[in-house]
Full PDB file with SEQRES, HELIX, SHEET, SSBOND, CRYST1, ORIGX, SCALE, CONECT and MASTER records, all heavy atoms in Angstrom:
SEQRES   1 A   31  LEU THR THR GLU THR VAL SER ARG VAL PHE SER SER LEU          
SEQRES   2 A   31  ALA ARG GLU LYS LEU ILE SER VAL GLY VAL SER ARG SER          
SEQRES   3 A   31  VAL HIS PHE HIS ASN                                          
HELIX    1 AA1 THR A    3  ARG A   15  1                                  13    
HELIX    2 AA2 VAL A   23  ARG A   25  5                                   3    
SHEET    1 AA1 2 ILE A  19  VAL A  21  0                                        
SHEET    2 AA1 2 VAL A  27  PHE A  29 -1                                        
CRYST1    1.000    1.000    1.000  90.00  90.00  90.00 P 1           1          
ORIGX1      1.000000  0.000000  0.000000        0.00000                         
ORIGX2      0.000000  1.000000  0.000000        0.00000                         
ORIGX3      0.000000  0.000000  1.000000        0.00000                         
SCALE1      1.000000  0.000000  0.000000        0.00000                         
SCALE2      0.000000  1.000000  0.000000        0.00000                         
SCALE3      0.000000  0.000000  1.000000        0.00000                         
ATOM      1  N   LEU A   1     -13.284  63.703  11.001  1.00  0.00           N  
ATOM      2  CA  LEU A   1     -13.929  63.368   9.742  1.00  0.00           C  
ATOM      3  C   LEU A   1     -12.897  63.362   8.622  1.00  0.00           C  
ATOM      4  O   LEU A   1     -11.738  63.711   8.834  1.00  0.00           O  
ATOM      5  CB  LEU A   1     -15.026  64.398   9.414  1.00  0.00           C  
ATOM      6  CG  LEU A   1     -16.146  64.568  10.441  1.00  0.00           C  
ATOM      7  CD1 LEU A   1     -17.012  65.787  10.079  1.00  0.00           C  
ATOM      8  CD2 LEU A   1     -17.002  63.310  10.516  1.00  0.00           C  
ATOM      9  N   THR A   2     -13.324  62.995   7.417  1.00  0.00           N  
ATOM     10  CA  THR A   2     -12.460  63.131   6.253  1.00  0.00           C  
ATOM     11  C   THR A   2     -12.719  64.489   5.596  1.00  0.00           C  
ATOM     12  O   THR A   2     -13.789  65.092   5.772  1.00  0.00           O  
ATOM     13  CB  THR A   2     -12.726  62.027   5.213  1.00  0.00           C  
ATOM     14  OG1 THR A   2     -14.058  62.184   4.690  1.00  0.00           O  
ATOM     15  CG2 THR A   2     -12.582  60.641   5.852  1.00  0.00           C  
ATOM     16  N   THR A   3     -11.741  64.963   4.842  1.00  0.00           N  
ATOM     17  CA  THR A   3     -11.908  66.227   4.130  1.00  0.00           C  
ATOM     18  C   THR A   3     -13.079  66.151   3.167  1.00  0.00           C  
ATOM     19  O   THR A   3     -13.849  67.113   3.011  1.00  0.00           O  
ATOM     20  CB  THR A   3     -10.618  66.575   3.361  1.00  0.00           C  
ATOM     21  OG1 THR A   3      -9.512  66.578   4.271  1.00  0.00           O  
ATOM     22  CG2 THR A   3     -10.728  67.931   2.702  1.00  0.00           C  
ATOM     23  N   GLU A   4     -13.247  64.982   2.523  1.00  0.00           N  
ATOM     24  CA  GLU A   4     -14.341  64.810   1.574  1.00  0.00           C  
ATOM     25  C   GLU A   4     -15.694  64.942   2.264  1.00  0.00           C  
ATOM     26  O   GLU A   4     -16.627  65.548   1.720  1.00  0.00           O  
ATOM     27  CB  GLU A   4     -14.236  63.438   0.891  1.00  0.00           C  
ATOM     28  CG  GLU A   4     -13.046  63.288  -0.044  1.00  0.00           C  
ATOM     29  CD  GLU A   4     -11.714  63.126   0.688  1.00  0.00           C  
ATOM     30  OE1 GLU A   4     -11.726  62.837   1.916  1.00  0.00           O  
ATOM     31  OE2 GLU A   4     -10.668  63.302   0.045  1.00  0.00           O  
ATOM     32  N   THR A   5     -15.810  64.397   3.463  1.00  0.00           N  
ATOM     33  CA  THR A   5     -17.076  64.498   4.199  1.00  0.00           C  
ATOM     34  C   THR A   5     -17.380  65.939   4.555  1.00  0.00           C  
ATOM     35  O   THR A   5     -18.517  66.406   4.405  1.00  0.00           O  
ATOM     36  CB  THR A   5     -17.022  63.635   5.474  1.00  0.00           C  
ATOM     37  OG1 THR A   5     -16.854  62.265   5.110  1.00  0.00           O  
ATOM     38  CG2 THR A   5     -18.295  63.791   6.296  1.00  0.00           C  
ATOM     39  N   VAL A   6     -16.385  66.672   5.032  1.00  0.00           N  
ATOM     40  CA  VAL A   6     -16.592  68.084   5.364  1.00  0.00           C  
ATOM     41  C   VAL A   6     -17.022  68.863   4.125  1.00  0.00           C  
ATOM     42  O   VAL A   6     -17.947  69.686   4.178  1.00  0.00           O  
ATOM     43  CB  VAL A   6     -15.314  68.697   5.970  1.00  0.00           C  
ATOM     44  CG1 VAL A   6     -15.429  70.216   6.093  1.00  0.00           C  
ATOM     45  CG2 VAL A   6     -15.028  68.078   7.334  1.00  0.00           C  
ATOM     46  N   SER A   7     -16.384  68.609   2.995  1.00  0.00           N  
ATOM     47  CA  SER A   7     -16.745  69.304   1.755  1.00  0.00           C  
ATOM     48  C   SER A   7     -18.172  68.972   1.335  1.00  0.00           C  
ATOM     49  O   SER A   7     -18.914  69.857   0.876  1.00  0.00           O  
ATOM     50  CB  SER A   7     -15.770  68.927   0.636  1.00  0.00           C  
ATOM     51  OG  SER A   7     -14.470  69.408   0.916  1.00  0.00           O  
ATOM     52  N   ARG A   8     -18.588  67.719   1.504  1.00  0.00           N  
ATOM     53  CA  ARG A   8     -19.960  67.338   1.151  1.00  0.00           C  
ATOM     54  C   ARG A   8     -20.973  68.062   2.035  1.00  0.00           C  
ATOM     55  O   ARG A   8     -22.024  68.512   1.562  1.00  0.00           O  
ATOM     56  CB  ARG A   8     -20.147  65.822   1.281  1.00  0.00           C  
ATOM     57  CG  ARG A   8     -19.579  65.024   0.124  1.00  0.00           C  
ATOM     58  CD  ARG A   8     -20.154  63.621   0.078  1.00  0.00           C  
ATOM     59  NE  ARG A   8     -19.810  62.858   1.274  1.00  0.00           N  
ATOM     60  CZ  ARG A   8     -18.716  62.110   1.399  1.00  0.00           C  
ATOM     61  NH1 ARG A   8     -17.842  62.032   0.397  1.00  0.00           N  
ATOM     62  NH2 ARG A   8     -18.479  61.442   2.505  1.00  0.00           N  
ATOM     63  N   VAL A   9     -20.665  68.178   3.322  1.00  0.00           N  
ATOM     64  CA  VAL A   9     -21.579  68.882   4.228  1.00  0.00           C  
ATOM     65  C   VAL A   9     -21.672  70.351   3.847  1.00  0.00           C  
ATOM     66  O   VAL A   9     -22.766  70.932   3.798  1.00  0.00           O  
ATOM     67  CB  VAL A   9     -21.135  68.719   5.696  1.00  0.00           C  
ATOM     68  CG1 VAL A   9     -21.986  69.604   6.604  1.00  0.00           C  
ATOM     69  CG2 VAL A   9     -21.237  67.268   6.137  1.00  0.00           C  
ATOM     70  N   PHE A  10     -20.529  70.996   3.556  1.00  0.00           N  
ATOM     71  CA  PHE A  10     -20.551  72.391   3.116  1.00  0.00           C  
ATOM     72  C   PHE A  10     -21.426  72.544   1.873  1.00  0.00           C  
ATOM     73  O   PHE A  10     -22.239  73.473   1.789  1.00  0.00           O  
ATOM     74  CB  PHE A  10     -19.131  72.873   2.808  1.00  0.00           C  
ATOM     75  CG  PHE A  10     -18.419  73.526   3.960  1.00  0.00           C  
ATOM     76  CD1 PHE A  10     -17.867  72.773   4.976  1.00  0.00           C  
ATOM     77  CD2 PHE A  10     -18.305  74.909   4.030  1.00  0.00           C  
ATOM     78  CE1 PHE A  10     -17.206  73.366   6.037  1.00  0.00           C  
ATOM     79  CE2 PHE A  10     -17.647  75.522   5.092  1.00  0.00           C  
ATOM     80  CZ  PHE A  10     -17.089  74.744   6.101  1.00  0.00           C  
ATOM     81  N   SER A  11     -21.239  71.650   0.913  1.00  0.00           N  
ATOM     82  CA  SER A  11     -22.007  71.718  -0.337  1.00  0.00           C  
ATOM     83  C   SER A  11     -23.493  71.520  -0.080  1.00  0.00           C  
ATOM     84  O   SER A  11     -24.339  72.218  -0.667  1.00  0.00           O  
ATOM     85  CB  SER A  11     -21.502  70.663  -1.324  1.00  0.00           C  
ATOM     86  OG  SER A  11     -20.154  70.895  -1.679  1.00  0.00           O  
ATOM     87  N   SER A  12     -23.829  70.581   0.809  1.00  0.00           N  
ATOM     88  CA  SER A  12     -25.229  70.324   1.137  1.00  0.00           C  
ATOM     89  C   SER A  12     -25.871  71.537   1.798  1.00  0.00           C  
ATOM     90  O   SER A  12     -26.989  71.938   1.450  1.00  0.00           O  
ATOM     91  CB  SER A  12     -25.320  69.106   2.068  1.00  0.00           C  
ATOM     92  OG  SER A  12     -26.638  68.904   2.510  1.00  0.00           O  
ATOM     93  N   LEU A  13     -25.167  72.153   2.735  1.00  0.00           N  
ATOM     94  CA  LEU A  13     -25.699  73.336   3.412  1.00  0.00           C  
ATOM     95  C   LEU A  13     -25.880  74.491   2.432  1.00  0.00           C  
ATOM     96  O   LEU A  13     -26.840  75.269   2.533  1.00  0.00           O  
ATOM     97  CB  LEU A  13     -24.771  73.755   4.549  1.00  0.00           C  
ATOM     98  CG  LEU A  13     -24.629  72.778   5.717  1.00  0.00           C  
ATOM     99  CD1 LEU A  13     -23.530  73.247   6.670  1.00  0.00           C  
ATOM    100  CD2 LEU A  13     -25.953  72.605   6.453  1.00  0.00           C  
ATOM    101  N   ALA A  14     -24.959  74.597   1.483  1.00  0.00           N  
ATOM    102  CA  ALA A  14     -25.061  75.655   0.473  1.00  0.00           C  
ATOM    103  C   ALA A  14     -26.251  75.405  -0.459  1.00  0.00           C  
ATOM    104  O   ALA A  14     -26.982  76.349  -0.805  1.00  0.00           O  
ATOM    105  CB  ALA A  14     -23.765  75.741  -0.324  1.00  0.00           C  
ATOM    106  N   ARG A  15     -26.466  74.142  -0.862  1.00  0.00           N  
ATOM    107  CA  ARG A  15     -27.610  73.815  -1.730  1.00  0.00           C  
ATOM    108  C   ARG A  15     -28.933  74.146  -1.036  1.00  0.00           C  
ATOM    109  O   ARG A  15     -29.897  74.569  -1.678  1.00  0.00           O  
ATOM    110  CB  ARG A  15     -27.583  72.343  -2.122  1.00  0.00           C  
ATOM    111  CG  ARG A  15     -26.576  71.987  -3.187  1.00  0.00           C  
ATOM    112  CD  ARG A  15     -26.870  70.625  -3.793  1.00  0.00           C  
ATOM    113  NE  ARG A  15     -26.916  69.577  -2.780  1.00  0.00           N  
ATOM    114  CZ  ARG A  15     -25.840  68.888  -2.371  1.00  0.00           C  
ATOM    115  NH1 ARG A  15     -24.651  69.153  -2.910  1.00  0.00           N  
ATOM    116  NH2 ARG A  15     -25.954  67.944  -1.461  1.00  0.00           N  
ATOM    117  N   GLU A  16     -28.961  73.944   0.271  1.00  0.00           N  
ATOM    118  CA  GLU A  16     -30.173  74.228   1.045  1.00  0.00           C  
ATOM    119  C   GLU A  16     -30.295  75.708   1.403  1.00  0.00           C  
ATOM    120  O   GLU A  16     -31.213  76.106   2.116  1.00  0.00           O  
ATOM    121  CB  GLU A  16     -30.169  73.379   2.325  1.00  0.00           C  
ATOM    122  CG  GLU A  16     -30.237  71.886   2.060  1.00  0.00           C  
ATOM    123  CD  GLU A  16     -29.972  71.071   3.315  1.00  0.00           C  
ATOM    124  OE1 GLU A  16     -30.419  71.484   4.404  1.00  0.00           O  
ATOM    125  OE2 GLU A  16     -29.306  70.033   3.202  1.00  0.00           O  
ATOM    126  N   LYS A  17     -29.336  76.499   0.919  1.00  0.00           N  
ATOM    127  CA  LYS A  17     -29.325  77.950   1.139  1.00  0.00           C  
ATOM    128  C   LYS A  17     -29.280  78.316   2.624  1.00  0.00           C  
ATOM    129  O   LYS A  17     -29.812  79.350   3.052  1.00  0.00           O  
ATOM    130  CB  LYS A  17     -30.531  78.609   0.455  1.00  0.00           C  
ATOM    131  CG  LYS A  17     -30.565  78.378  -1.059  1.00  0.00           C  
ATOM    132  CD  LYS A  17     -31.633  79.204  -1.723  1.00  0.00           C  
ATOM    133  CE  LYS A  17     -31.725  78.882  -3.222  1.00  0.00           C  
ATOM    134  NZ  LYS A  17     -30.440  79.064  -3.926  1.00  0.00           N  
ATOM    135  N   LEU A  18     -28.631  77.464   3.408  1.00  0.00           N  
ATOM    136  CA  LEU A  18     -28.417  77.762   4.819  1.00  0.00           C  
ATOM    137  C   LEU A  18     -27.123  78.546   5.016  1.00  0.00           C  
ATOM    138  O   LEU A  18     -27.006  79.330   5.960  1.00  0.00           O  
ATOM    139  CB  LEU A  18     -28.377  76.462   5.634  1.00  0.00           C  
ATOM    140  CG  LEU A  18     -29.700  75.699   5.694  1.00  0.00           C  
ATOM    141  CD1 LEU A  18     -29.491  74.329   6.316  1.00  0.00           C  
ATOM    142  CD2 LEU A  18     -30.733  76.486   6.476  1.00  0.00           C  
ATOM    143  N   ILE A  19     -26.161  78.309   4.131  1.00  0.00           N  
ATOM    144  CA  ILE A  19     -24.911  79.058   4.140  1.00  0.00           C  
ATOM    145  C   ILE A  19     -24.506  79.336   2.700  1.00  0.00           C  
ATOM    146  O   ILE A  19     -25.046  78.732   1.756  1.00  0.00           O  
ATOM    147  CB  ILE A  19     -23.755  78.303   4.843  1.00  0.00           C  
ATOM    148  CG1 ILE A  19     -23.348  77.057   4.024  1.00  0.00           C  
ATOM    149  CG2 ILE A  19     -24.106  77.936   6.269  1.00  0.00           C  
ATOM    150  CD1 ILE A  19     -22.050  76.402   4.482  1.00  0.00           C  
ATOM    151  N   SER A  20     -23.570  80.231   2.526  1.00  0.00           N  
ATOM    152  CA  SER A  20     -22.876  80.380   1.250  1.00  0.00           C  
ATOM    153  C   SER A  20     -21.410  80.629   1.578  1.00  0.00           C  
ATOM    154  O   SER A  20     -21.083  81.193   2.623  1.00  0.00           O  
ATOM    155  CB  SER A  20     -23.451  81.534   0.412  1.00  0.00           C  
ATOM    156  OG  SER A  20     -23.388  82.746   1.129  1.00  0.00           O  
ATOM    157  N   VAL A  21     -20.545  80.164   0.709  1.00  0.00           N  
ATOM    158  CA  VAL A  21     -19.109  80.272   0.927  1.00  0.00           C  
ATOM    159  C   VAL A  21     -18.536  81.291  -0.027  1.00  0.00           C  
ATOM    160  O   VAL A  21     -18.718  81.189  -1.247  1.00  0.00           O  
ATOM    161  CB  VAL A  21     -18.414  78.909   0.744  1.00  0.00           C  
ATOM    162  CG1 VAL A  21     -16.917  79.032   1.011  1.00  0.00           C  
ATOM    163  CG2 VAL A  21     -19.036  77.861   1.668  1.00  0.00           C  
ATOM    164  N   GLY A  22     -17.864  82.294   0.534  1.00  0.00           N  
ATOM    165  CA  GLY A  22     -17.300  83.355  -0.280  1.00  0.00           C  
ATOM    166  C   GLY A  22     -15.800  83.204  -0.444  1.00  0.00           C  
ATOM    167  O   GLY A  22     -15.224  82.142  -0.214  1.00  0.00           O  
ATOM    168  N   VAL A  23     -15.151  84.285  -0.831  1.00  0.00           N  
ATOM    169  CA  VAL A  23     -13.704  84.277  -1.016  1.00  0.00           C  
ATOM    170  C   VAL A  23     -13.024  84.226   0.341  1.00  0.00           C  
ATOM    171  O   VAL A  23     -13.602  84.554   1.379  1.00  0.00           O  
ATOM    172  CB  VAL A  23     -13.239  85.513  -1.807  1.00  0.00           C  
ATOM    173  CG1 VAL A  23     -13.841  85.488  -3.204  1.00  0.00           C  
ATOM    174  CG2 VAL A  23     -13.616  86.793  -1.081  1.00  0.00           C  
ATOM    175  N   SER A  24     -11.762  83.814   0.334  1.00  0.00           N  
ATOM    176  CA  SER A  24     -10.938  83.741   1.546  1.00  0.00           C  
ATOM    177  C   SER A  24     -11.604  82.910   2.643  1.00  0.00           C  
ATOM    178  O   SER A  24     -11.505  83.220   3.834  1.00  0.00           O  
ATOM    179  CB  SER A  24     -10.632  85.151   2.075  1.00  0.00           C  
ATOM    180  OG  SER A  24      -9.938  85.895   1.104  1.00  0.00           O  
ATOM    181  N   ARG A  25     -12.302  81.879   2.237  1.00  0.00           N  
ATOM    182  CA  ARG A  25     -12.943  80.931   3.173  1.00  0.00           C  
ATOM    183  C   ARG A  25     -13.985  81.588   4.060  1.00  0.00           C  
ATOM    184  O   ARG A  25     -14.237  81.146   5.176  1.00  0.00           O  
ATOM    185  CB  ARG A  25     -11.904  80.211   4.037  1.00  0.00           C  
ATOM    186  CG  ARG A  25     -10.829  79.461   3.255  1.00  0.00           C  
ATOM    187  CD  ARG A  25     -10.074  78.502   4.173  1.00  0.00           C  
ATOM    188  NE  ARG A  25      -8.917  77.938   3.477  1.00  0.00           N  
ATOM    189  CZ  ARG A  25      -7.667  78.265   3.748  1.00  0.00           C  
ATOM    190  NH1 ARG A  25      -7.401  79.119   4.708  1.00  0.00           N  
ATOM    191  NH2 ARG A  25      -6.669  77.723   3.085  1.00  0.00           N  
ATOM    192  N   SER A  26     -14.589  82.670   3.602  1.00  0.00           N  
ATOM    193  CA  SER A  26     -15.659  83.286   4.390  1.00  0.00           C  
ATOM    194  C   SER A  26     -16.933  82.457   4.242  1.00  0.00           C  
ATOM    195  O   SER A  26     -17.230  81.931   3.178  1.00  0.00           O  
ATOM    196  CB  SER A  26     -15.910  84.721   3.937  1.00  0.00           C  
ATOM    197  OG  SER A  26     -16.346  84.760   2.590  1.00  0.00           O  
ATOM    198  N   VAL A  27     -17.661  82.327   5.346  1.00  0.00           N  
ATOM    199  CA  VAL A  27     -18.918  81.589   5.357  1.00  0.00           C  
ATOM    200  C   VAL A  27     -20.014  82.542   5.797  1.00  0.00           C  
ATOM    201  O   VAL A  27     -19.933  83.159   6.866  1.00  0.00           O  
ATOM    202  CB  VAL A  27     -18.853  80.374   6.302  1.00  0.00           C  
ATOM    203  CG1 VAL A  27     -20.207  79.682   6.366  1.00  0.00           C  
ATOM    204  CG2 VAL A  27     -17.785  79.392   5.842  1.00  0.00           C  
ATOM    205  N   HIS A  28     -21.055  82.672   4.979  1.00  0.00           N  
ATOM    206  CA  HIS A  28     -22.186  83.528   5.284  1.00  0.00           C  
ATOM    207  C   HIS A  28     -23.336  82.655   5.782  1.00  0.00           C  
ATOM    208  O   HIS A  28     -23.713  81.681   5.139  1.00  0.00           O  
ATOM    209  CB  HIS A  28     -22.621  84.310   4.037  1.00  0.00           C  
ATOM    210  CG  HIS A  28     -21.564  85.224   3.515  1.00  0.00           C  
ATOM    211  ND1 HIS A  28     -21.526  86.575   3.781  1.00  0.00           N  
ATOM    212  CD2 HIS A  28     -20.462  84.966   2.746  1.00  0.00           C  
ATOM    213  CE1 HIS A  28     -20.477  87.123   3.200  1.00  0.00           C  
ATOM    214  NE2 HIS A  28     -19.813  86.160   2.571  1.00  0.00           N  
ATOM    215  N   PHE A  29     -23.914  83.021   6.913  1.00  0.00           N  
ATOM    216  CA  PHE A  29     -25.028  82.284   7.495  1.00  0.00           C  
ATOM    217  C   PHE A  29     -26.338  82.944   7.053  1.00  0.00           C  
ATOM    218  O   PHE A  29     -26.531  84.141   7.262  1.00  0.00           O  
ATOM    219  CB  PHE A  29     -24.951  82.300   9.022  1.00  0.00           C  
ATOM    220  CG  PHE A  29     -23.694  81.686   9.583  1.00  0.00           C  
ATOM    221  CD1 PHE A  29     -22.601  82.484   9.898  1.00  0.00           C  
ATOM    222  CD2 PHE A  29     -23.603  80.327   9.798  1.00  0.00           C  
ATOM    223  CE1 PHE A  29     -21.444  81.924  10.417  1.00  0.00           C  
ATOM    224  CE2 PHE A  29     -22.446  79.758  10.321  1.00  0.00           C  
ATOM    225  CZ  PHE A  29     -21.372  80.562  10.622  1.00  0.00           C  
ATOM    226  N   HIS A  30     -27.240  82.152   6.490  1.00  0.00           N  
ATOM    227  CA  HIS A  30     -28.510  82.698   6.017  1.00  0.00           C  
ATOM    228  C   HIS A  30     -29.679  82.352   6.931  1.00  0.00           C  
ATOM    229  O   HIS A  30     -30.742  82.984   6.819  1.00  0.00           O  
ATOM    230  CB  HIS A  30     -28.803  82.200   4.596  1.00  0.00           C  
ATOM    231  CG  HIS A  30     -27.749  82.586   3.600  1.00  0.00           C  
ATOM    232  ND1 HIS A  30     -27.394  83.896   3.367  1.00  0.00           N  
ATOM    233  CD2 HIS A  30     -26.955  81.833   2.796  1.00  0.00           C  
ATOM    234  CE1 HIS A  30     -26.428  83.940   2.444  1.00  0.00           C  
ATOM    235  NE2 HIS A  30     -26.147  82.700   2.087  1.00  0.00           N  
ATOM    236  N   ASN A  31     -29.508  81.366   7.799  1.00  0.00           N  
ATOM    237  CA  ASN A  31     -30.605  80.970   8.691  1.00  0.00           C  
ATOM    238  C   ASN A  31     -30.008  80.421   9.978  1.00  0.00           C  
ATOM    239  O   ASN A  31     -29.912  79.211  10.169  1.00  0.00           O  
ATOM    240  CB  ASN A  31     -31.498  79.931   8.014  1.00  0.00           C  
ATOM    241  CG  ASN A  31     -32.788  79.699   8.776  1.00  0.00           C  
ATOM    242  OD1 ASN A  31     -32.871  79.925   9.982  1.00  0.00           O  
ATOM    243  ND2 ASN A  31     -33.819  79.224   8.081  1.00  0.00           N  
TER     244      ASN A  31                                                      
MASTER        0    0    0    2    2    0    0    6  243    1    0    3          
END                                                                             
């Protein structure tokens, strides 16, 4: 994929509150 596509998916998942991204590239799973 492109970096932009990956960033859009991360942002979409975060908006849907499925994940949140913390410091040091940590990813928190909510569902």
